[in-house]
Amino acid sequence: MTTSAPLVDPRTIALAHYAARAVLERVLASYGTTFQQNVTLRLAAVADGPVERLALVDGVTGALKVDAADAHKTIDELVAAGLLVTTEASRLDITDAGRELYAKASAETAPVTARIYAGISEEDRAVTGRVLTLITERANAELAAVEARRDESRHPRHR
């Protein structure tokens, strides 16, 4: 660990995110899947049964800040790969193959994650969690405001 840590700023957050994401992407590549597919699969894996397609799309767009078309495309890729299936009620459910893939990738990354977090105290992790949660909330609010202004400029209301 470094002795003089920089203050949390967008760059340090991005460096941590992309370093951890790169580890996960290397593992996922060995299974022929992408980061976005893994996030989508996780949402289906942790759900209490089949999920509405739009709820899954909302989960992906909320987590990854991608547009709905990208989320739909990813869902279609997972269905085509046999990792998700559409149920009779037009909901999506994870297949046994999807659950197995998610479990294998998670199991492979768990020891890596443990090594990355080793030696970081619960207190430091709690403080970091609170700070990152606050930053996420504020960034999401700013994103919503930017999108609202963009939508308003595209579709001005008649006064």
C-alpha atoms as a PDB file:
ATOM      1  CA  MET A   1       0.000   0.000   0.000  1.00  0.00           C
ATOM      2  CA  THR A   2       1.205   3.520  -0.740  1.00  0.00           C
ATOM      3  CA  THR A   3       2.126   5.748   2.187  1.00  0.00           C
ATOM      4  CA  SER A   4       0.764   8.996   0.793  1.00  0.00           C
ATOM      5  CA  ALA A   5      -2.665   8.352  -0.661  1.00  0.00           C
ATOM      6  CA  PRO A   6      -4.256  10.898  -2.973  1.00  0.00           C
ATOM      7  CA  LEU A   7      -7.572  12.444  -2.081  1.00  0.00           C
ATOM      8  CA  VAL A   8     -10.578  10.769  -3.633  1.00  0.00           C
ATOM      9  CA  ASP A   9     -11.308  12.399  -6.950  1.00  0.00           C
ATOM     10  CA  PRO A  10     -12.713  11.232 -10.292  1.00  0.00           C
ATOM     11  CA  ARG A  11      -9.318   9.964 -11.438  1.00  0.00           C
ATOM     12  CA  THR A  12      -8.621   7.807  -8.372  1.00  0.00           C
ATOM     13  CA  ILE A  13     -12.132   6.366  -8.513  1.00  0.00           C
ATOM     14  CA  ALA A  14     -11.755   5.627 -12.232  1.00  0.00           C
ATOM     15  CA  LEU A  15      -8.333   4.024 -11.783  1.00  0.00           C
ATOM     16  CA  ALA A  16      -9.665   1.720  -9.062  1.00  0.00           C
ATOM     17  CA  HIS A  17     -12.751   0.854 -11.090  1.00  0.00           C
ATOM     18  CA  TYR A  18     -10.898   0.089 -14.305  1.00  0.00           C
ATOM     19  CA  ALA A  19      -8.179  -1.903 -12.561  1.00  0.00           C
ATOM     20  CA  ALA A  20     -10.773  -4.126 -10.869  1.00  0.00           C
ATOM     21  CA  ARG A  21     -12.882  -4.306 -14.012  1.00  0.00           C
ATOM     22  CA  ALA A  22      -9.871  -5.409 -16.065  1.00  0.00           C
ATOM     23  CA  VAL A  23      -9.376  -8.370 -13.722  1.00  0.00           C
ATOM     24  CA  LEU A  24     -13.028  -9.374 -14.107  1.00  0.00           C
ATOM     25  CA  GLU A  25     -12.980  -8.883 -17.879  1.00  0.00           C
ATOM     26  CA  ARG A  26      -9.986 -11.240 -18.213  1.00  0.00           C
ATOM     27  CA  VAL A  27     -11.874 -13.924 -16.294  1.00  0.00           C
ATOM     28  CA  LEU A  28     -15.075 -13.333 -18.285  1.00  0.00           C
ATOM     29  CA  ALA A  29     -13.210 -13.483 -21.599  1.00  0.00           C
ATOM     30  CA  SER A  30     -12.159 -17.038 -20.796  1.00  0.00           C
ATOM     31  CA  TYR A  31     -15.881 -17.887 -20.643  1.00  0.00           C
ATOM     32  CA  GLY A  32     -16.701 -15.976 -23.832  1.00  0.00           C
ATOM     33  CA  THR A  33     -18.775 -13.354 -22.068  1.00  0.00           C
ATOM     34  CA  THR A  34     -18.538  -9.589 -21.595  1.00  0.00           C
ATOM     35  CA  PHE A  35     -18.710  -7.295 -18.588  1.00  0.00           C
ATOM     36  CA  GLN A  36     -22.140  -6.009 -19.637  1.00  0.00           C
ATOM     37  CA  GLN A  37     -23.411  -9.558 -20.114  1.00  0.00           C
ATOM     38  CA  ASN A  38     -22.090 -10.500 -16.669  1.00  0.00           C
ATOM     39  CA  VAL A  39     -23.832  -7.554 -15.006  1.00  0.00           C
ATOM     40  CA  THR A  40     -27.075  -8.506 -16.767  1.00  0.00           C
ATOM     41  CA  LEU A  41     -26.679 -12.169 -15.842  1.00  0.00           C
ATOM     42  CA  ARG A  42     -26.006 -11.227 -12.214  1.00  0.00           C
ATOM     43  CA  LEU A  43     -29.248  -9.265 -12.025  1.00  0.00           C
ATOM     44  CA  ALA A  44     -31.130 -12.337 -13.245  1.00  0.00           C
ATOM     45  CA  ALA A  45     -29.155 -14.664 -10.965  1.00  0.00           C
ATOM     46  CA  VAL A  46     -29.932 -12.749  -7.771  1.00  0.00           C
ATOM     47  CA  ALA A  47     -33.601 -12.163  -8.608  1.00  0.00           C
ATOM     48  CA  ASP A  48     -36.280 -14.155  -6.834  1.00  0.00           C
ATOM     49  CA  GLY A  49     -37.359 -15.932 -10.011  1.00  0.00           C
ATOM     50  CA  PRO A  50     -38.191 -14.648 -13.491  1.00  0.00           C
ATOM     51  CA  VAL A  51     -38.033 -10.883 -14.041  1.00  0.00           C
ATOM     52  CA  GLU A  52     -39.889  -8.567 -16.352  1.00  0.00           C
ATOM     53  CA  ARG A  53     -37.740  -7.614 -19.327  1.00  0.00           C
ATOM     54  CA  LEU A  54     -38.169  -3.896 -18.663  1.00  0.00           C
ATOM     55  CA  ALA A  55     -37.136  -4.362 -15.024  1.00  0.00           C
ATOM     56  CA  LEU A  56     -33.974  -6.112 -16.197  1.00  0.00           C
ATOM     57  CA  VAL A  57     -33.344  -3.343 -18.737  1.00  0.00           C
ATOM     58  CA  ASP A  58     -33.820  -0.752 -15.971  1.00  0.00           C
ATOM     59  CA  GLY A  59     -31.364  -2.636 -13.762  1.00  0.00           C
ATOM     60  CA  VAL A  60     -28.725  -2.713 -16.491  1.00  0.00           C
ATOM     61  CA  THR A  61     -29.182   0.923 -17.519  1.00  0.00           C
ATOM     62  CA  GLY A  62     -29.115   2.001 -13.879  1.00  0.00           C
ATOM     63  CA  ALA A  63     -25.985   0.025 -13.075  1.00  0.00           C
ATOM     64  CA  LEU A  64     -23.977   0.688 -16.221  1.00  0.00           C
ATOM     65  CA  LYS A  65     -25.426   3.978 -17.463  1.00  0.00           C
ATOM     66  CA  VAL A  66     -25.975   2.521 -20.935  1.00  0.00           C
ATOM     67  CA  ASP A  67     -29.044   3.248 -23.000  1.00  0.00           C
ATOM     68  CA  ALA A  68     -32.005   0.894 -23.118  1.00  0.00           C
ATOM     69  CA  ALA A  69     -31.175  -0.273 -26.650  1.00  0.00           C
ATOM     70  CA  ASP A  70     -27.788  -1.545 -25.422  1.00  0.00           C
ATOM     71  CA  ALA A  71     -29.430  -3.343 -22.506  1.00  0.00           C
ATOM     72  CA  HIS A  72     -31.999  -4.984 -24.824  1.00  0.00           C
ATOM     73  CA  LYS A  73     -29.185  -6.074 -27.144  1.00  0.00           C
ATOM     74  CA  THR A  74     -27.282  -7.636 -24.254  1.00  0.00           C
ATOM     75  CA  ILE A  75     -30.394  -9.475 -23.077  1.00  0.00           C
ATOM     76  CA  ASP A  76     -30.941 -10.769 -26.616  1.00  0.00           C
ATOM     77  CA  GLU A  77     -27.322 -11.996 -26.709  1.00  0.00           C
ATOM     78  CA  LEU A  78     -27.817 -13.867 -23.433  1.00  0.00           C
ATOM     79  CA  VAL A  79     -31.052 -15.432 -24.692  1.00  0.00           C
ATOM     80  CA  ALA A  80     -29.361 -16.467 -27.953  1.00  0.00           C
ATOM     81  CA  ALA A  81     -26.509 -18.016 -25.941  1.00  0.00           C
ATOM     82  CA  GLY A  82     -28.985 -20.001 -23.846  1.00  0.00           C
ATOM     83  CA  LEU A  83     -28.055 -18.209 -20.619  1.00  0.00           C
ATOM     84  CA  LEU A  84     -31.427 -16.501 -20.238  1.00  0.00           C
ATOM     85  CA  VAL A  85     -34.800 -17.793 -21.365  1.00  0.00           C
ATOM     86  CA  THR A  86     -38.158 -16.126 -21.899  1.00  0.00           C
ATOM     87  CA  THR A  87     -40.861 -17.755 -19.771  1.00  0.00           C
ATOM     88  CA  GLU A  88     -44.529 -18.219 -20.605  1.00  0.00           C
ATOM     89  CA  ALA A  89     -45.356 -14.947 -18.863  1.00  0.00           C
ATOM     90  CA  SER A  90     -42.882 -13.099 -21.139  1.00  0.00           C
ATOM     91  CA  ARG A  91     -40.479 -12.737 -18.256  1.00  0.00           C
ATOM     92  CA  LEU A  92     -36.793 -13.598 -18.357  1.00  0.00           C
ATOM     93  CA  ASP A  93     -35.239 -16.290 -16.231  1.00  0.00           C
ATOM     94  CA  ILE A  94     -31.666 -17.467 -15.883  1.00  0.00           C
ATOM     95  CA  THR A  95     -31.068 -20.954 -17.263  1.00  0.00           C
ATOM     96  CA  ASP A  96     -29.043 -23.660 -15.563  1.00  0.00           C
ATOM     97  CA  ALA A  97     -26.218 -22.865 -18.004  1.00  0.00           C
ATOM     98  CA  GLY A  98     -26.454 -19.163 -17.116  1.00  0.00           C
ATOM     99  CA  ARG A  99     -26.441 -19.897 -13.403  1.00  0.00           C
ATOM    100  CA  GLU A 100     -23.440 -22.230 -13.835  1.00  0.00           C
ATOM    101  CA  LEU A 101     -21.509 -19.628 -15.840  1.00  0.00           C
ATOM    102  CA  TYR A 102     -22.247 -16.921 -13.291  1.00  0.00           C
ATOM    103  CA  ALA A 103     -21.233 -19.209 -10.413  1.00  0.00           C
ATOM    104  CA  LYS A 104     -17.971 -20.270 -12.103  1.00  0.00           C
ATOM    105  CA  ALA A 105     -16.951 -16.708 -12.947  1.00  0.00           C
ATOM    106  CA  SER A 106     -17.844 -15.537  -9.441  1.00  0.00           C
ATOM    107  CA  ALA A 107     -15.898 -18.392  -7.862  1.00  0.00           C
ATOM    108  CA  GLU A 108     -12.869 -17.627 -10.021  1.00  0.00           C
ATOM    109  CA  THR A 109     -12.858 -13.929  -9.139  1.00  0.00           C
ATOM    110  CA  ALA A 110     -13.583 -14.374  -5.401  1.00  0.00           C
ATOM    111  CA  PRO A 111      -9.987 -15.193  -4.364  1.00  0.00           C
ATOM    112  CA  VAL A 112      -8.683 -12.342  -6.525  1.00  0.00           C
ATOM    113  CA  THR A 113     -11.110  -9.954  -4.865  1.00  0.00           C
ATOM    114  CA  ALA A 114     -10.048 -11.249  -1.452  1.00  0.00           C
ATOM    115  CA  ARG A 115      -6.401 -10.522  -2.292  1.00  0.00           C
ATOM    116  CA  ILE A 116      -7.262  -7.040  -3.541  1.00  0.00           C
ATOM    117  CA  TYR A 117      -9.137  -6.187  -0.328  1.00  0.00           C
ATOM    118  CA  ALA A 118      -6.721  -7.982   2.027  1.00  0.00           C
ATOM    119  CA  GLY A 119      -5.395  -5.775   4.799  1.00  0.00           C
ATOM    120  CA  ILE A 120      -7.948  -3.013   4.307  1.00  0.00           C
ATOM    121  CA  SER A 121      -9.701  -2.518   7.640  1.00  0.00           C
ATOM    122  CA  GLU A 122     -13.467  -2.753   8.070  1.00  0.00           C
ATOM    123  CA  GLU A 123     -13.413   0.870   9.172  1.00  0.00           C
ATOM    124  CA  ASP A 124     -11.626   2.021   6.006  1.00  0.00           C
ATOM    125  CA  ARG A 125     -13.981  -0.047   3.866  1.00  0.00           C
ATOM    126  CA  ALA A 126     -16.999   1.420   5.672  1.00  0.00           C
ATOM    127  CA  VAL A 127     -15.785   4.996   5.185  1.00  0.00           C
ATOM    128  CA  THR A 128     -14.971   4.304   1.538  1.00  0.00           C
ATOM    129  CA  GLY A 129     -18.385   2.714   1.042  1.00  0.00           C
ATOM    130  CA  ARG A 130     -20.154   5.743   2.511  1.00  0.00           C
ATOM    131  CA  VAL A 131     -18.131   8.171   0.405  1.00  0.00           C
ATOM    132  CA  LEU A 132     -18.603   6.226  -2.826  1.00  0.00           C
ATOM    133  CA  THR A 133     -22.334   5.819  -2.145  1.00  0.00           C
ATOM    134  CA  LEU A 134     -22.678   9.574  -1.655  1.00  0.00           C
ATOM    135  CA  ILE A 135     -20.682  10.274  -4.822  1.00  0.00           C
ATOM    136  CA  THR A 136     -22.866   7.802  -6.746  1.00  0.00           C
ATOM    137  CA  GLU A 137     -26.074   9.416  -5.454  1.00  0.00           C
ATOM    138  CA  ARG A 138     -24.872  12.883  -6.389  1.00  0.00           C
ATOM    139  CA  ALA A 139     -23.608  11.783  -9.808  1.00  0.00           C
ATOM    140  CA  ASN A 140     -26.925  10.024 -10.509  1.00  0.00           C
ATOM    141  CA  ALA A 141     -28.799  13.207  -9.558  1.00  0.00           C
ATOM    142  CA  GLU A 142     -26.565  15.268 -11.859  1.00  0.00           C
ATOM    143  CA  LEU A 143     -27.044  12.770 -14.678  1.00  0.00           C
ATOM    144  CA  ALA A 144     -30.823  12.922 -14.245  1.00  0.00           C
ATOM    145  CA  ALA A 145     -30.698  16.733 -14.334  1.00  0.00           C
ATOM    146  CA  VAL A 146     -28.560  16.742 -17.489  1.00  0.00           C
ATOM    147  CA  GLU A 147     -30.914  14.283 -19.174  1.00  0.00           C
ATOM    148  CA  ALA A 148     -33.953  16.311 -18.128  1.00  0.00           C
ATOM    149  CA  ARG A 149     -32.419  19.472 -19.588  1.00  0.00           C
ATOM    150  CA  ARG A 150     -31.533  17.597 -22.779  1.00  0.00           C
ATOM    151  CA  ASP A 151     -35.049  16.209 -23.076  1.00  0.00           C
ATOM    152  CA  GLU A 152     -36.521  19.661 -22.422  1.00  0.00           C
ATOM    153  CA  SER A 153     -34.364  21.209 -25.146  1.00  0.00           C
ATOM    154  CA  ARG A 154     -35.434  18.513 -27.612  1.00  0.00           C
ATOM    155  CA  HIS A 155     -39.113  18.753 -26.695  1.00  0.00           C
ATOM    156  CA  PRO A 156     -39.848  22.234 -25.333  1.00  0.00           C
ATOM    157  CA  ARG A 157     -43.256  22.589 -23.718  1.00  0.00           C
ATOM    158  CA  HIS A 158     -45.637  25.096 -25.189  1.00  0.00           C
ATOM    159  CA  ARG A 159     -46.251  27.875 -22.712  1.00  0.00           C
END
